[in-house]
Amino acid sequence: MKLPIDALDTLCPMHTVVSPTGLVLSVGPTLAKRRPNQLTGRAFLDIFEVQRPRGLGSMDALLKFSGRKLHLRFRDVPNTSFKAVM
């Protein structure tokens, strides 16, 4: 079941919706506040560095980790790190 974006904004305010090709389609309101520069339309892997699991350098590799925990870090300053679920 897919949740509407407004439900995601409430339930998971730091969410990121990514297309199968890796483009960021939308971000939650808290994430948008933390990074006021435009995130939508950019490649997910240009914005975030996947720290764990190591070696995930493509969306195909990343999609194989659906439902699993990731350790991410913003590529731009400040390089905030956080945990996420794919």
PDB file of N, CA and C in Angstrom:
ATOM      1  N   MET A   1       0.838  -1.181   0.000  1.00  0.00           N
ATOM      2  CA  MET A   1       0.000   0.000   0.000  1.00  0.00           C
ATOM      3  C   MET A   1       0.883   1.246   0.000  1.00  0.00           C
ATOM      4  N   LYS A   2       0.614   2.157  -0.877  1.00  0.00           N
ATOM      5  CA  LYS A   2       1.349   3.419  -0.924  1.00  0.00           C
ATOM      6  C   LYS A   2       0.604   4.465  -0.116  1.00  0.00           C
ATOM      7  N   LEU A   3       1.356   5.208   0.683  1.00  0.00           N
ATOM      8  CA  LEU A   3       0.768   6.306   1.441  1.00  0.00           C
ATOM      9  C   LEU A   3       0.823   7.575   0.623  1.00  0.00           C
ATOM     10  N   PRO A   4      -0.197   8.417   0.723  1.00  0.00           N
ATOM     11  CA  PRO A   4      -0.114   9.718   0.054  1.00  0.00           C
ATOM     12  C   PRO A   4       1.003  10.545   0.688  1.00  0.00           C
ATOM     13  N   ILE A   5       1.571  11.444  -0.094  1.00  0.00           N
ATOM     14  CA  ILE A   5       2.699  12.254   0.378  1.00  0.00           C
ATOM     15  C   ILE A   5       2.342  13.037   1.638  1.00  0.00           C
ATOM     16  N   ASP A   6       1.132  13.568   1.748  1.00  0.00           N
ATOM     17  CA  ASP A   6       0.774  14.329   2.949  1.00  0.00           C
ATOM     18  C   ASP A   6       0.784  13.441   4.192  1.00  0.00           C
ATOM     19  N   ALA A   7       0.448  12.169   4.049  1.00  0.00           N
ATOM     20  CA  ALA A   7       0.527  11.244   5.185  1.00  0.00           C
ATOM     21  C   ALA A   7       1.982  11.002   5.561  1.00  0.00           C
ATOM     22  N   LEU A   8       2.838  10.854   4.564  1.00  0.00           N
ATOM     23  CA  LEU A   8       4.267  10.689   4.847  1.00  0.00           C
ATOM     24  C   LEU A   8       4.834  11.921   5.548  1.00  0.00           C
ATOM     25  N   ASP A   9       4.396  13.098   5.143  1.00  0.00           N
ATOM     26  CA  ASP A   9       4.866  14.339   5.766  1.00  0.00           C
ATOM     27  C   ASP A   9       4.579  14.343   7.261  1.00  0.00           C
ATOM     28  N   THR A  10       3.440  13.786   7.649  1.00  0.00           N
ATOM     29  CA  THR A  10       3.051  13.752   9.054  1.00  0.00           C
ATOM     30  C   THR A  10       3.724  12.604   9.800  1.00  0.00           C
ATOM     31  N   LEU A  11       3.686  11.420   9.223  1.00  0.00           N
ATOM     32  CA  LEU A  11       4.200  10.228   9.895  1.00  0.00           C
ATOM     33  C   LEU A  11       5.722  10.125   9.890  1.00  0.00           C
ATOM     34  N   CYS A  12       6.333  10.626   8.851  1.00  0.00           N
ATOM     35  CA  CYS A  12       7.781  10.490   8.682  1.00  0.00           C
ATOM     36  C   CYS A  12       8.331  11.770   8.052  1.00  0.00           C
ATOM     37  N   PRO A  13       8.468  12.838   8.856  1.00  0.00           N
ATOM     38  CA  PRO A  13       8.790  14.151   8.303  1.00  0.00           C
ATOM     39  C   PRO A  13      10.182  14.283   7.681  1.00  0.00           C
ATOM     40  N   MET A  14      11.017  13.266   7.826  1.00  0.00           N
ATOM     41  CA  MET A  14      12.331  13.318   7.160  1.00  0.00           C
ATOM     42  C   MET A  14      12.404  12.329   5.998  1.00  0.00           C
ATOM     43  N   HIS A  15      11.253  11.949   5.443  1.00  0.00           N
ATOM     44  CA  HIS A  15      11.245  10.981   4.352  1.00  0.00           C
ATOM     45  C   HIS A  15      11.806  11.575   3.064  1.00  0.00           C
ATOM     46  N   THR A  16      12.199  10.675   2.195  1.00  0.00           N
ATOM     47  CA  THR A  16      12.609  11.024   0.842  1.00  0.00           C
ATOM     48  C   THR A  16      11.967  10.019  -0.092  1.00  0.00           C
ATOM     49  N   VAL A  17      11.259  10.488  -1.092  1.00  0.00           N
ATOM     50  CA  VAL A  17      10.678   9.613  -2.099  1.00  0.00           C
ATOM     51  C   VAL A  17      11.599   9.675  -3.313  1.00  0.00           C
ATOM     52  N   VAL A  18      12.059   8.502  -3.727  1.00  0.00           N
ATOM     53  CA  VAL A  18      13.046   8.412  -4.802  1.00  0.00           C
ATOM     54  C   VAL A  18      12.476   7.565  -5.935  1.00  0.00           C
ATOM     55  N   SER A  19      12.691   8.012  -7.160  1.00  0.00           N
ATOM     56  CA  SER A  19      12.246   7.246  -8.329  1.00  0.00           C
ATOM     57  C   SER A  19      13.145   6.022  -8.516  1.00  0.00           C
ATOM     58  N   PRO A  20      12.709   5.042  -9.288  1.00  0.00           N
ATOM     59  CA  PRO A  20      13.559   3.871  -9.542  1.00  0.00           C
ATOM     60  C   PRO A  20      14.892   4.230 -10.207  1.00  0.00           C
ATOM     61  N   THR A  21      14.930   5.375 -10.880  1.00  0.00           N
ATOM     62  CA  THR A  21      16.173   5.799 -11.518  1.00  0.00           C
ATOM     63  C   THR A  21      17.072   6.608 -10.576  1.00  0.00           C
ATOM     64  N   GLY A  22      16.568   6.894  -9.360  1.00  0.00           N
ATOM     65  CA  GLY A  22      17.403   7.564  -8.370  1.00  0.00           C
ATOM     66  C   GLY A  22      17.169   9.048  -8.195  1.00  0.00           C
ATOM     67  N   LEU A  23      16.182   9.615  -8.869  1.00  0.00           N
ATOM     68  CA  LEU A  23      15.889  11.037  -8.698  1.00  0.00           C
ATOM     69  C   LEU A  23      14.986  11.257  -7.492  1.00  0.00           C
ATOM     70  N   VAL A  24      15.266  12.270  -6.713  1.00  0.00           N
ATOM     71  CA  VAL A  24      14.444  12.605  -5.557  1.00  0.00           C
ATOM     72  C   VAL A  24      13.168  13.265  -6.064  1.00  0.00           C
ATOM     73  N   LEU A  25      12.032  12.639  -5.742  1.00  0.00           N
ATOM     74  CA  LEU A  25      10.734  13.146  -6.192  1.00  0.00           C
ATOM     75  C   LEU A  25      10.120  14.096  -5.175  1.00  0.00           C
ATOM     76  N   SER A  26      10.324  13.810  -3.883  1.00  0.00           N
ATOM     77  CA  SER A  26       9.826  14.695  -2.833  1.00  0.00           C
ATOM     78  C   SER A  26      10.579  14.400  -1.545  1.00  0.00           C
ATOM     79  N   VAL A  27      10.533  15.378  -0.640  1.00  0.00           N
ATOM     80  CA  VAL A  27      11.145  15.219   0.683  1.00  0.00           C
ATOM     81  C   VAL A  27      10.164  15.726   1.731  1.00  0.00           C
ATOM     82  N   GLY A  28      10.299  15.195   2.935  1.00  0.00           N
ATOM     83  CA  GLY A  28       9.448  15.618   4.027  1.00  0.00           C
ATOM     84  C   GLY A  28       9.789  17.016   4.499  1.00  0.00           C
ATOM     85  N   PRO A  29       8.887  17.626   5.270  1.00  0.00           N
ATOM     86  CA  PRO A  29       9.075  19.017   5.688  1.00  0.00           C
ATOM     87  C   PRO A  29      10.298  19.235   6.593  1.00  0.00           C
ATOM     88  N   THR A  30      10.612  18.290   7.447  1.00  0.00           N
ATOM     89  CA  THR A  30      11.781  18.461   8.320  1.00  0.00           C
ATOM     90  C   THR A  30      13.064  18.379   7.517  1.00  0.00           C
ATOM     91  N   LEU A  31      13.126  17.456   6.595  1.00  0.00           N
ATOM     92  CA  LEU A  31      14.305  17.347   5.737  1.00  0.00           C
ATOM     93  C   LEU A  31      14.448  18.604   4.882  1.00  0.00           C
ATOM     94  N   ALA A  32      13.344  19.115   4.379  1.00  0.00           N
ATOM     95  CA  ALA A  32      13.382  20.344   3.574  1.00  0.00           C
ATOM     96  C   ALA A  32      13.904  21.525   4.392  1.00  0.00           C
ATOM     97  N   LYS A  33      13.563  21.589   5.683  1.00  0.00           N
ATOM     98  CA  LYS A  33      14.062  22.664   6.550  1.00  0.00           C
ATOM     99  C   LYS A  33      15.554  22.511   6.822  1.00  0.00           C
ATOM    100  N   ARG A  34      16.009  21.266   6.980  1.00  0.00           N
ATOM    101  CA  ARG A  34      17.423  21.020   7.276  1.00  0.00           C
ATOM    102  C   ARG A  34      18.309  21.304   6.070  1.00  0.00           C
ATOM    103  N   ARG A  35      17.740  21.161   4.895  1.00  0.00           N
ATOM    104  CA  ARG A  35      18.472  21.424   3.655  1.00  0.00           C
ATOM    105  C   ARG A  35      17.622  22.321   2.777  1.00  0.00           C
ATOM    106  N   PRO A  36      17.683  23.642   2.995  1.00  0.00           N
ATOM    107  CA  PRO A  36      16.807  24.550   2.250  1.00  0.00           C
ATOM    108  C   PRO A  36      17.101  24.604   0.749  1.00  0.00           C
ATOM    109  N   ASN A  37      18.295  24.136   0.315  1.00  0.00           N
ATOM    110  CA  ASN A  37      18.550  24.097  -1.125  1.00  0.00           C
ATOM    111  C   ASN A  37      17.656  23.029  -1.751  1.00  0.00           C
ATOM    112  N   GLN A  38      17.335  23.184  -2.978  1.00  0.00           N
ATOM    113  CA  GLN A  38      16.400  22.300  -3.673  1.00  0.00           C
ATOM    114  C   GLN A  38      16.937  20.875  -3.733  1.00  0.00           C
ATOM    115  N   LEU A  39      16.215  19.926  -3.164  1.00  0.00           N
ATOM    116  CA  LEU A  39      16.607  18.525  -3.208  1.00  0.00           C
ATOM    117  C   LEU A  39      15.853  17.759  -4.286  1.00  0.00           C
ATOM    118  N   THR A  40      14.620  18.156  -4.554  1.00  0.00           N
ATOM    119  CA  THR A  40      13.832  17.433  -5.549  1.00  0.00           C
ATOM    120  C   THR A  40      14.432  17.637  -6.940  1.00  0.00           C
ATOM    121  N   GLY A  41      14.378  16.554  -7.709  1.00  0.00           N
ATOM    122  CA  GLY A  41      14.919  16.583  -9.060  1.00  0.00           C
ATOM    123  C   GLY A  41      16.390  16.237  -9.134  1.00  0.00           C
ATOM    124  N   ARG A  42      17.046  16.138  -7.990  1.00  0.00           N
ATOM    125  CA  ARG A  42      18.468  15.784  -7.953  1.00  0.00           C
ATOM    126  C   ARG A  42      18.620  14.286  -7.719  1.00  0.00           C
ATOM    127  N   ALA A  43      19.769  13.759  -8.071  1.00  0.00           N
ATOM    128  CA  ALA A  43      20.045  12.338  -7.849  1.00  0.00           C
ATOM    129  C   ALA A  43      20.281  12.078  -6.368  1.00  0.00           C
ATOM    130  N   PHE A  44      19.602  11.071  -5.829  1.00  0.00           N
ATOM    131  CA  PHE A  44      19.724  10.698  -4.423  1.00  0.00           C
ATOM    132  C   PHE A  44      21.182  10.507  -4.032  1.00  0.00           C
ATOM    133  N   LEU A  45      21.951   9.806  -4.868  1.00  0.00           N
ATOM    134  CA  LEU A  45      23.351   9.520  -4.535  1.00  0.00           C
ATOM    135  C   LEU A  45      24.265  10.724  -4.709  1.00  0.00           C
ATOM    136  N   ASP A  46      23.768  11.802  -5.311  1.00  0.00           N
ATOM    137  CA  ASP A  46      24.530  13.060  -5.334  1.00  0.00           C
ATOM    138  C   ASP A  46      24.320  13.843  -4.045  1.00  0.00           C
ATOM    139  N   ILE A  47      23.227  13.581  -3.357  1.00  0.00           N
ATOM    140  CA  ILE A  47      22.897  14.280  -2.113  1.00  0.00           C
ATOM    141  C   ILE A  47      23.428  13.516  -0.903  1.00  0.00           C
ATOM    142  N   PHE A  48      23.265  12.197  -0.933  1.00  0.00           N
ATOM    143  CA  PHE A  48      23.612  11.349   0.209  1.00  0.00           C
ATOM    144  C   PHE A  48      24.745  10.397  -0.125  1.00  0.00           C
ATOM    145  N   GLU A  49      25.621  10.197   0.839  1.00  0.00           N
ATOM    146  CA  GLU A  49      26.649   9.166   0.760  1.00  0.00           C
ATOM    147  C   GLU A  49      26.173   7.996   1.615  1.00  0.00           C
ATOM    148  N   VAL A  50      26.163   6.809   1.057  1.00  0.00           N
ATOM    149  CA  VAL A  50      25.787   5.621   1.820  1.00  0.00           C
ATOM    150  C   VAL A  50      27.045   5.121   2.520  1.00  0.00           C
ATOM    151  N   GLN A  51      27.043   5.221   3.859  1.00  0.00           N
ATOM    152  CA  GLN A  51      28.201   4.780   4.623  1.00  0.00           C
ATOM    153  C   GLN A  51      28.152   3.292   4.924  1.00  0.00           C
ATOM    154  N   ARG A  52      26.953   2.800   5.214  1.00  0.00           N
ATOM    155  CA  ARG A  52      26.750   1.370   5.461  1.00  0.00           C
ATOM    156  C   ARG A  52      25.420   0.963   4.865  1.00  0.00           C
ATOM    157  N   PRO A  53      25.332  -0.150   4.249  1.00  0.00           N
ATOM    158  CA  PRO A  53      26.413  -1.054   3.913  1.00  0.00           C
ATOM    159  C   PRO A  53      27.356  -0.414   2.899  1.00  0.00           C
ATOM    160  N   ARG A  54      28.598  -0.735   3.016  1.00  0.00           N
ATOM    161  CA  ARG A  54      29.625  -0.142   2.149  1.00  0.00           C
ATOM    162  C   ARG A  54      29.498  -0.661   0.719  1.00  0.00           C
ATOM    163  N   GLY A  55      29.998   0.148  -0.195  1.00  0.00           N
ATOM    164  CA  GLY A  55      30.082  -0.280  -1.580  1.00  0.00           C
ATOM    165  C   GLY A  55      28.827  -0.120  -2.409  1.00  0.00           C
ATOM    166  N   LEU A  56      27.824   0.597  -1.888  1.00  0.00           N
ATOM    167  CA  LEU A  56      26.603   0.809  -2.665  1.00  0.00           C
ATOM    168  C   LEU A  56      26.745   2.105  -3.456  1.00  0.00           C
ATOM    169  N   GLY A  57      27.155   1.994  -4.687  1.00  0.00           N
ATOM    170  CA  GLY A  57      27.394   3.176  -5.489  1.00  0.00           C
ATOM    171  C   GLY A  57      26.403   3.400  -6.607  1.00  0.00           C
ATOM    172  N   SER A  58      25.353   2.580  -6.651  1.00  0.00           N
ATOM    173  CA  SER A  58      24.353   2.750  -7.707  1.00  0.00           C
ATOM    174  C   SER A  58      22.967   2.513  -7.128  1.00  0.00           C
ATOM    175  N   MET A  59      21.958   3.006  -7.819  1.00  0.00           N
ATOM    176  CA  MET A  59      20.582   2.800  -7.372  1.00  0.00           C
ATOM    177  C   MET A  59      20.201   1.328  -7.467  1.00  0.00           C
ATOM    178  N   ASP A  60      20.702   0.616  -8.469  1.00  0.00           N
ATOM    179  CA  ASP A  60      20.400  -0.811  -8.569  1.00  0.00           C
ATOM    180  C   ASP A  60      20.874  -1.547  -7.319  1.00  0.00           C
ATOM    181  N   ALA A  61      22.081  -1.240  -6.868  1.00  0.00           N
ATOM    182  CA  ALA A  61      22.618  -1.867  -5.658  1.00  0.00           C
ATOM    183  C   ALA A  61      21.809  -1.438  -4.432  1.00  0.00           C
ATOM    184  N   LEU A  62      21.442  -0.173  -4.374  1.00  0.00           N
ATOM    185  CA  LEU A  62      20.698   0.354  -3.237  1.00  0.00           C
ATOM    186  C   LEU A  62      19.297  -0.255  -3.146  1.00  0.00           C
ATOM    187  N   LEU A  63      18.642  -0.437  -4.272  1.00  0.00           N
ATOM    188  CA  LEU A  63      17.288  -0.993  -4.288  1.00  0.00           C
ATOM    189  C   LEU A  63      17.236  -2.420  -3.742  1.00  0.00           C
ATOM    190  N   LYS A  64      18.334  -3.126  -3.802  1.00  0.00           N
ATOM    191  CA  LYS A  64      18.384  -4.488  -3.262  1.00  0.00           C
ATOM    192  C   LYS A  64      18.301  -4.494  -1.737  1.00  0.00           C
ATOM    193  N   PHE A  65      18.454  -3.338  -1.115  1.00  0.00           N
ATOM    194  CA  PHE A  65      18.408  -3.230   0.339  1.00  0.00           C
ATOM    195  C   PHE A  65      17.059  -2.700   0.831  1.00  0.00           C
ATOM    196  N   SER A  66      16.037  -2.840   0.032  1.00  0.00           N
ATOM    197  CA  SER A  66      14.699  -2.392   0.410  1.00  0.00           C
ATOM    198  C   SER A  66      14.280  -3.009   1.741  1.00  0.00           C
ATOM    199  N   GLY A  67      13.819  -2.150   2.655  1.00  0.00           N
ATOM    200  CA  GLY A  67      13.376  -2.595   3.965  1.00  0.00           C
ATOM    201  C   GLY A  67      14.476  -2.753   4.992  1.00  0.00           C
ATOM    202  N   ARG A  68      15.704  -2.485   4.617  1.00  0.00           N
ATOM    203  CA  ARG A  68      16.834  -2.641   5.534  1.00  0.00           C
ATOM    204  C   ARG A  68      17.400  -1.284   5.944  1.00  0.00           C
ATOM    205  N   LYS A  69      18.117  -1.298   7.048  1.00  0.00           N
ATOM    206  CA  LYS A  69      18.678  -0.062   7.604  1.00  0.00           C
ATOM    207  C   LYS A  69      19.909   0.374   6.816  1.00  0.00           C
ATOM    208  N   LEU A  70      19.984   1.685   6.593  1.00  0.00           N
ATOM    209  CA  LEU A  70      21.131   2.312   5.940  1.00  0.00           C
ATOM    210  C   LEU A  70      21.721   3.359   6.868  1.00  0.00           C
ATOM    211  N   HIS A  71      22.987   3.599   6.734  1.00  0.00           N
ATOM    212  CA  HIS A  71      23.653   4.715   7.399  1.00  0.00           C
ATOM    213  C   HIS A  71      24.020   5.696   6.289  1.00  0.00           C
ATOM    214  N   LEU A  72      23.465   6.886   6.358  1.00  0.00           N
ATOM    215  CA  LEU A  72      23.661   7.899   5.326  1.00  0.00           C
ATOM    216  C   LEU A  72      24.359   9.118   5.891  1.00  0.00           C
ATOM    217  N   ARG A  73      24.942   9.911   4.989  1.00  0.00           N
ATOM    218  CA  ARG A  73      25.526  11.191   5.370  1.00  0.00           C
ATOM    219  C   ARG A  73      25.323  12.144   4.204  1.00  0.00           C
ATOM    220  N   PHE A  74      24.975  13.383   4.528  1.00  0.00           N
ATOM    221  CA  PHE A  74      24.882  14.400   3.487  1.00  0.00           C
ATOM    222  C   PHE A  74      26.258  14.632   2.880  1.00  0.00           C
ATOM    223  N   ARG A  75      26.310  14.804   1.601  1.00  0.00           N
ATOM    224  CA  ARG A  75      27.590  15.061   0.926  1.00  0.00           C
ATOM    225  C   ARG A  75      28.040  16.519   1.111  1.00  0.00           C
ATOM    226  N   ASP A  76      27.080  17.433   1.312  1.00  0.00           N
ATOM    227  CA  ASP A  76      27.458  18.829   1.500  1.00  0.00           C
ATOM    228  C   ASP A  76      27.549  19.162   2.990  1.00  0.00           C
ATOM    229  N   VAL A  77      28.164  20.275   3.278  1.00  0.00           N
ATOM    230  CA  VAL A  77      28.372  20.724   4.656  1.00  0.00           C
ATOM    231  C   VAL A  77      27.087  21.309   5.200  1.00  0.00           C
ATOM    232  N   PRO A  78      26.690  21.031   6.432  1.00  0.00           N
ATOM    233  CA  PRO A  78      27.341  20.100   7.343  1.00  0.00           C
ATOM    234  C   PRO A  78      27.020  18.664   6.957  1.00  0.00           C
ATOM    235  N   ASN A  79      28.003  17.814   7.063  1.00  0.00           N
ATOM    236  CA  ASN A  79      27.896  16.407   6.653  1.00  0.00           C
ATOM    237  C   ASN A  79      27.180  15.582   7.717  1.00  0.00           C
ATOM    238  N   THR A  80      25.962  15.951   8.012  1.00  0.00           N
ATOM    239  CA  THR A  80      25.169  15.260   9.028  1.00  0.00           C
ATOM    240  C   THR A  80      24.970  13.805   8.664  1.00  0.00           C
ATOM    241  N   SER A  81      25.185  12.934   9.640  1.00  0.00           N
ATOM    242  CA  SER A  81      24.963  11.494   9.449  1.00  0.00           C
ATOM    243  C   SER A  81      23.665  11.098  10.139  1.00  0.00           C
ATOM    244  N   PHE A  82      23.016  10.075   9.586  1.00  0.00           N
ATOM    245  CA  PHE A  82      21.794   9.576  10.206  1.00  0.00           C
ATOM    246  C   PHE A  82      21.495   8.189   9.673  1.00  0.00           C
ATOM    247  N   LYS A  83      20.558   7.516  10.326  1.00  0.00           N
ATOM    248  CA  LYS A  83      20.116   6.190   9.915  1.00  0.00           C
ATOM    249  C   LYS A  83      18.789   6.327   9.181  1.00  0.00           C
ATOM    250  N   ALA A  84      18.602   5.428   8.222  1.00  0.00           N
ATOM    251  CA  ALA A  84      17.386   5.460   7.420  1.00  0.00           C
ATOM    252  C   ALA A  84      16.988   4.038   7.072  1.00  0.00           C
ATOM    253  N   VAL A  85      15.776   3.882   6.583  1.00  0.00           N
ATOM    254  CA  VAL A  85      15.311   2.596   6.067  1.00  0.00           C
ATOM    255  C   VAL A  85      14.999   2.792   4.600  1.00  0.00           C
ATOM    256  N   MET A  86      15.506   1.900   3.793  1.00  0.00           N
ATOM    257  CA  MET A  86      15.296   1.983   2.346  1.00  0.00           C
ATOM    258  C   MET A  86      13.910   1.496   2.024  1.00  0.00           C
TER     259      MET A  86
END
